[in-house]
Each structure stands twice: as structure tokens, then as C-alpha cells.
Protein backbone atom coordinates (compact mmCIF):
# COMPACT_ATOMS: atom_id res chain seq x y z
CA UNK A 1 31.11 21.35 -26.49
CA UNK A 2 30.59 20.22 -22.90
CA UNK A 3 33.48 19.29 -20.65
CA UNK A 4 33.21 15.74 -19.34
CA UNK A 5 34.71 14.73 -16.02
CA UNK A 6 35.24 10.98 -16.35
CA UNK A 7 34.62 8.13 -13.96
CA UNK A 8 37.30 5.61 -13.13
CA UNK A 9 37.47 3.08 -15.97
CA UNK A 10 34.88 0.33 -15.64
CA UNK A 11 36.00 -3.21 -14.89
CA UNK A 12 37.54 -4.88 -17.96
CA UNK A 13 35.12 -7.81 -17.77
CA UNK A 14 32.20 -5.55 -18.63
CA UNK A 15 31.38 -6.39 -22.23
CA UNK A 16 29.21 -4.08 -24.30
CA UNK A 17 27.03 -5.92 -26.80
CA UNK A 18 24.62 -4.38 -29.25
CA UNK A 19 24.17 -0.81 -27.92
CA UNK A 20 20.47 0.00 -27.96
CA UNK A 21 18.77 3.14 -29.09
CA UNK A 22 15.80 4.20 -27.00
CA UNK A 23 13.65 7.18 -26.25
CA UNK A 24 14.48 8.79 -22.93
CA UNK A 25 16.58 6.54 -20.80
CA UNK A 26 14.70 3.34 -19.99
CA UNK A 27 16.78 0.45 -18.73
CA UNK A 28 17.40 -2.57 -20.87
CA UNK A 29 17.54 -6.16 -19.63
CA UNK A 30 20.75 -8.14 -19.95
CA UNK A 31 22.30 -11.40 -18.83
CA UNK A 32 26.02 -11.24 -18.10
CA UNK A 33 26.79 -8.40 -20.48
CA UNK A 34 25.96 -4.71 -20.25
CA UNK A 35 23.64 -3.01 -22.71
CA UNK A 36 23.68 0.75 -22.94
CA UNK A 37 20.27 2.40 -23.02
CA UNK A 38 21.39 5.43 -25.01
CA UNK A 39 24.15 6.53 -27.34
CA UNK A 40 26.66 9.10 -26.16
CA UNK A 41 29.97 10.44 -27.40
CA UNK A 42 32.44 11.06 -24.59
CA UNK A 43 35.05 13.70 -25.34
CA UNK A 44 38.52 13.45 -23.78
CA UNK A 45 38.94 15.39 -20.54
CA UNK A 46 40.72 18.71 -20.80
CA UNK A 47 42.23 20.92 -18.10
CA UNK A 48 40.75 24.00 -19.71
CA UNK A 49 37.31 25.31 -18.94
CA UNK A 50 35.35 28.52 -19.28
CA UNK A 51 32.07 29.98 -18.01
CA UNK A 52 30.50 29.23 -21.40
CA UNK A 53 31.50 25.56 -21.37
CA UNK A 54 28.95 23.25 -19.67
CA UNK A 55 30.46 20.84 -17.19
CA UNK A 56 29.27 17.22 -17.24
CA UNK A 57 30.41 15.05 -14.32
CA UNK A 58 30.18 11.28 -14.33
CA UNK A 59 29.41 9.07 -11.36
CA UNK A 60 29.24 5.28 -11.19
CA UNK A 61 26.38 4.03 -9.00
CA UNK A 62 25.58 0.45 -8.06
CA UNK A 63 22.21 -0.64 -6.69
CA UNK A 64 22.30 -3.80 -4.58
CA UNK A 65 20.09 -5.81 -2.26
CA UNK A 66 18.46 -9.20 -2.01
CA UNK A 67 16.21 -10.53 -4.77
CA UNK A 68 12.62 -9.19 -4.98
CA UNK A 69 13.23 -6.12 -2.76
CA UNK A 70 12.30 -3.87 -5.70
CA UNK A 71 15.69 -2.61 -6.90
CA UNK A 72 14.84 -2.67 -10.60
CA UNK A 73 11.44 -1.07 -10.02
CA UNK A 74 13.06 1.75 -8.03
CA UNK A 75 15.69 2.34 -10.70
CA UNK A 76 13.20 2.32 -13.56
CA UNK A 77 10.82 4.68 -11.76
CA UNK A 78 13.68 7.05 -10.90
CA UNK A 79 15.21 7.03 -14.39
CA UNK A 80 11.87 7.38 -16.18
CA UNK A 81 10.60 10.17 -13.94
CA UNK A 82 7.88 7.98 -12.48
CA UNK A 83 6.56 6.75 -15.83
CA UNK A 84 7.87 3.19 -16.04
CA UNK A 85 6.95 0.61 -13.41
CA UNK A 86 7.47 -3.09 -14.21
CA UNK A 87 4.07 -4.71 -13.67
CA UNK A 88 5.46 -8.23 -13.74
CA UNK A 89 8.49 -9.44 -11.82
CA UNK A 90 11.42 -10.39 -14.05
CA UNK A 91 14.54 -11.63 -12.33
CA UNK A 92 17.63 -9.55 -13.05
CA UNK A 93 20.22 -11.85 -14.59
CA UNK A 94 23.63 -10.52 -13.65
CA UNK A 95 23.30 -6.77 -14.07
CA UNK A 96 21.12 -4.16 -15.76
CA UNK A 97 22.62 -0.86 -16.85
CA UNK A 98 21.17 2.57 -17.58
CA UNK A 99 22.15 6.22 -17.53
CA UNK A 100 20.44 9.17 -15.87
CA UNK A 101 21.40 12.79 -16.51
CA UNK A 102 20.66 15.21 -13.66
CA UNK A 103 21.13 18.98 -13.88
CA UNK A 104 22.70 20.20 -10.65
CA UNK A 105 22.82 23.88 -11.55
CA UNK A 106 22.78 26.08 -14.62
CA UNK A 107 26.21 25.06 -15.85
CA UNK A 108 26.72 21.64 -14.32
CA UNK A 109 25.05 18.29 -14.83
CA UNK A 110 25.87 14.83 -13.53
CA UNK A 111 25.63 11.70 -15.62
CA UNK A 112 24.88 8.74 -13.39
CA UNK A 113 25.90 5.35 -14.76
CA UNK A 114 23.62 3.02 -12.81
CA UNK A 115 24.39 -0.68 -12.38
CA UNK A 116 21.36 -2.60 -11.10
CA UNK A 117 22.95 -5.72 -9.61
CA UNK A 118 21.14 -9.05 -9.34
CA UNK A 119 20.42 -10.22 -5.81
CA UNK A 120 20.33 -13.88 -6.81
CA UNK A 121 23.07 -16.06 -5.31
CA UNK A 122 23.31 -17.76 -8.69
CA UNK A 123 25.09 -14.68 -10.11
CA UNK A 124 27.10 -13.72 -7.01
CA UNK A 125 30.44 -14.87 -8.46
CA UNK A 126 29.85 -12.81 -11.63
CA UNK A 127 29.05 -9.44 -10.08
CA UNK A 128 32.28 -8.59 -8.27
CA UNK A 129 33.74 -6.73 -11.25
CA UNK A 130 30.66 -4.48 -11.45
CA UNK A 131 31.27 -3.35 -7.87
CA UNK A 132 34.76 -2.00 -8.50
CA UNK A 133 35.58 1.73 -8.48
CA UNK A 134 32.10 2.93 -7.51
CA UNK A 135 31.38 6.53 -6.57
CA UNK A 136 28.16 5.68 -4.73
CA UNK A 137 26.15 2.62 -3.82
CA UNK A 138 22.51 2.11 -2.88
CA UNK A 139 21.46 -0.80 -0.68
CA UNK A 140 17.73 -1.57 -0.95
CA UNK A 141 15.67 -3.68 1.44
CA UNK A 142 12.00 -4.58 1.66
CA UNK A 143 10.39 -3.41 4.91
CA UNK A 144 8.05 -6.43 4.82
CA UNK A 145 10.93 -8.93 4.73
CA UNK A 146 13.23 -8.77 7.74
CA UNK A 147 15.87 -10.99 6.19
CA UNK A 148 16.37 -8.48 3.35
CA UNK A 149 17.22 -5.84 5.96
CA UNK A 150 19.56 -8.20 7.78
CA UNK A 151 21.30 -8.86 4.44
CA UNK A 152 22.18 -5.18 4.07
CA UNK A 153 25.35 -5.68 6.08
CA UNK A 154 26.47 -8.37 3.63
CA UNK A 155 26.15 -5.97 0.70
CA UNK A 156 27.79 -3.04 2.49
CA UNK A 157 30.75 -5.22 3.50
CA UNK A 158 31.07 -6.69 0.00
CA UNK A 159 31.30 -3.24 -1.60
CA UNK A 160 33.46 -1.48 0.98
CA UNK A 161 36.10 -4.20 1.15
CA UNK A 162 36.96 -3.64 -2.53
CA UNK A 163 39.99 -1.35 -2.90
CA UNK A 164 39.00 2.03 -4.27
CA UNK A 165 35.53 2.05 -2.72
CA UNK A 166 36.56 3.39 0.68
CA UNK A 167 35.16 6.88 0.04
CA UNK A 168 32.06 5.83 -1.89
CA UNK A 169 28.83 7.45 -0.74
CA UNK A 170 26.54 4.86 0.84
CA UNK A 171 22.74 5.06 0.82
CA UNK A 172 20.26 2.73 2.50
CA UNK A 173 16.74 2.66 1.03
CA UNK A 174 13.72 1.17 2.79
CA UNK A 175 11.42 0.16 -0.06
CA UNK A 176 7.70 -0.73 -0.14
CA UNK A 177 6.66 1.79 2.51
CA UNK A 178 3.17 1.55 1.02
CA UNK A 179 2.94 -1.78 2.89
CA UNK A 180 3.57 -0.43 6.39
CA UNK A 181 0.77 -2.58 7.79
CA UNK A 182 2.89 -5.63 6.90
CA UNK A 183 6.23 -4.16 7.96
CA UNK A 184 8.74 -6.42 9.71
CA UNK A 185 11.33 -3.64 9.90
CA UNK A 186 10.65 -0.33 11.65
CA UNK A 187 11.89 3.03 10.39
CA UNK A 188 14.15 3.52 13.40
CA UNK A 189 16.00 0.28 12.62
CA UNK A 190 16.94 1.54 9.19
CA UNK A 191 17.90 4.96 10.54
CA UNK A 192 20.14 3.47 13.23
CA UNK A 193 21.84 1.07 10.81
CA UNK A 194 22.51 3.85 8.30
CA UNK A 195 23.90 6.16 10.97
CA UNK A 196 26.16 3.45 12.43
CA UNK A 197 27.56 2.64 8.99
CA UNK A 198 27.95 6.26 7.86
CA UNK A 199 25.23 5.98 5.25
CA UNK A 200 22.22 8.10 4.33
CA UNK A 201 18.72 6.75 4.90
CA UNK A 202 15.80 7.13 2.50
CA UNK A 203 12.32 5.65 2.33
CA UNK A 204 10.55 4.81 -0.91
CA UNK A 205 7.66 3.08 -2.59
CA UNK A 206 8.45 2.15 -6.16
CA UNK A 207 4.83 1.15 -6.70
CA UNK A 208 3.53 4.59 -5.67
CA UNK A 209 6.43 6.48 -7.21
CA UNK A 210 7.32 7.96 -3.85
CA UNK A 211 10.95 8.62 -2.95
CA UNK A 212 12.41 6.78 -5.94
CA UNK A 213 14.32 9.75 -7.36
CA UNK A 214 15.62 11.28 -4.13
CA UNK A 215 18.67 8.99 -3.68
CA UNK A 216 19.87 9.70 -7.22
CA UNK A 217 19.34 13.43 -6.80
CA UNK A 218 21.42 13.38 -3.63
CA UNK A 219 24.19 11.41 -5.36
CA UNK A 220 24.27 13.95 -8.20
CA UNK A 221 24.58 16.85 -5.75
CA UNK A 222 27.26 15.03 -3.76
CA UNK A 223 29.21 14.37 -6.96
CA UNK A 224 29.15 18.07 -7.86
CA UNK A 225 30.15 19.08 -4.32
CA UNK A 226 33.08 16.67 -4.26
CA UNK A 227 34.25 17.93 -7.62
CA UNK A 228 34.02 21.55 -6.48
CA UNK A 229 35.96 20.73 -3.31
CA UNK A 230 38.63 19.00 -5.36
CA UNK A 231 38.95 22.03 -7.63
CA UNK A 232 39.26 24.32 -4.60
CA UNK A 233 41.99 22.12 -3.12
CA UNK A 234 43.96 22.06 -6.36
CA UNK A 235 43.58 25.82 -6.73
CA UNK A 236 44.96 26.39 -3.25
CA UNK A 237 47.92 24.09 -3.92
CA UNK A 238 48.78 25.93 -7.12
CA UNK A 239 48.40 29.39 -5.56
């Protein structure tokens, strides 16, 4: 039986309706409720562990950015391993939810609970609860739309001002790099913004399947490293 390291409890306004069974871990559309894309049984945490007991860590990740920057396409390509790309644009209504399991090493895996947040102003007043108690957040912008890059600061501020998010890992993703000939935002602008706001910078093309998975892989590794550091600190205190 694996040992699960739980996330902070999700916001109470998140309502689970009709859990869906699916092959793999493809995301499911939703309006103002959350639909789970796979069934899982979470065992209570226990202070006891052993070399033979697999460790499963959980991390809550939110993906934000203005509408049409390609957030959902990035998430679906990353979660599906580059198999699923939405050919037609469908506006995210509120929030989409899916889960991605990533093996960090032989005995440890990280279960990422990914909240794909709508960028439409229409749903802005409904998304605040989804942004609470996050372990990491990804801000996506479209390099061909300067205003989507300028809006990054709005999203970063919105997330970091929520109590409990102070230490969340921040990632900035420049999407649609396959359209560099139409770029309104240069690479250096994204790099400078990320550095000034203590975030990591990645480039991606959801359409080409390039760079979609890297942010999630880094979050999984960071989650495992933070857990290991916490264990070391507790061990030293108890010594």
C-alpha cells in the first residue's frame, strides 16, 4: 500500500459532481463544478514508512492566464503525453480539473492535481476559491498577443496575495513559440519578468507538443525536494 502525502484541503466551494471514468488521464470539461478524470482511493496519512512502501506526494497546481493563450491545450498535451490536442477552441467555463502522476524516482511519485482556470472575466468572481492553498502556479501567455503578457502581473498578484500561497512555486510559460514570426513579446522580456518575480521561465508550443510537459516535471521534482527537505528538518529537530 503506498503512502500518500496529502495536499492542503481544497476550498470548500469545490463541488464534485458525477466522477468520470476515463482511460489514461484526459481532462474533462466542466462549468462551475469540478469533475475528476479518474478514480482514486486516498489512504489516510501515516507517520510510518519503510523502504518497501512507495511514497506518493500530492501537489495542487493552478494554470492561469488570459483567454485563448492556450492553457487548456498545454495542459491536455502535457497530461496526455502529447497525444491530445484540442483542434477546436472551446472556452473554459470556470475551471477544468485533471490529475497527472509523475514518477520522480524509483520509490517516489508525485500526483499533480491540476486546475485549469478560465481566463474569461465572466468567471473571475467564481475562481478565487480554486486559487487557495496552491503548491505551484503556472501563468501562461501568448507571445503573439502583448496584452496577454502584460496581464501576467495581474494573475501573479491575484494568486500571491491569497494567504497560504506565499511559498508557492511560480512558473511563467511563453506559449505558441511556433509563431515567432508574429511575436509581439520577445524571449528576454519573459525571462526578465520571471527573474524579477522569482519565477521560472519556460517556452512551449502546445500545437507542436514542444515544452508542454517540462513545467509539470519541474513541479513534481520541486515537490519531492521540498518534502525531502522537510523530512530532514524534522529529523534534525528530533535528534
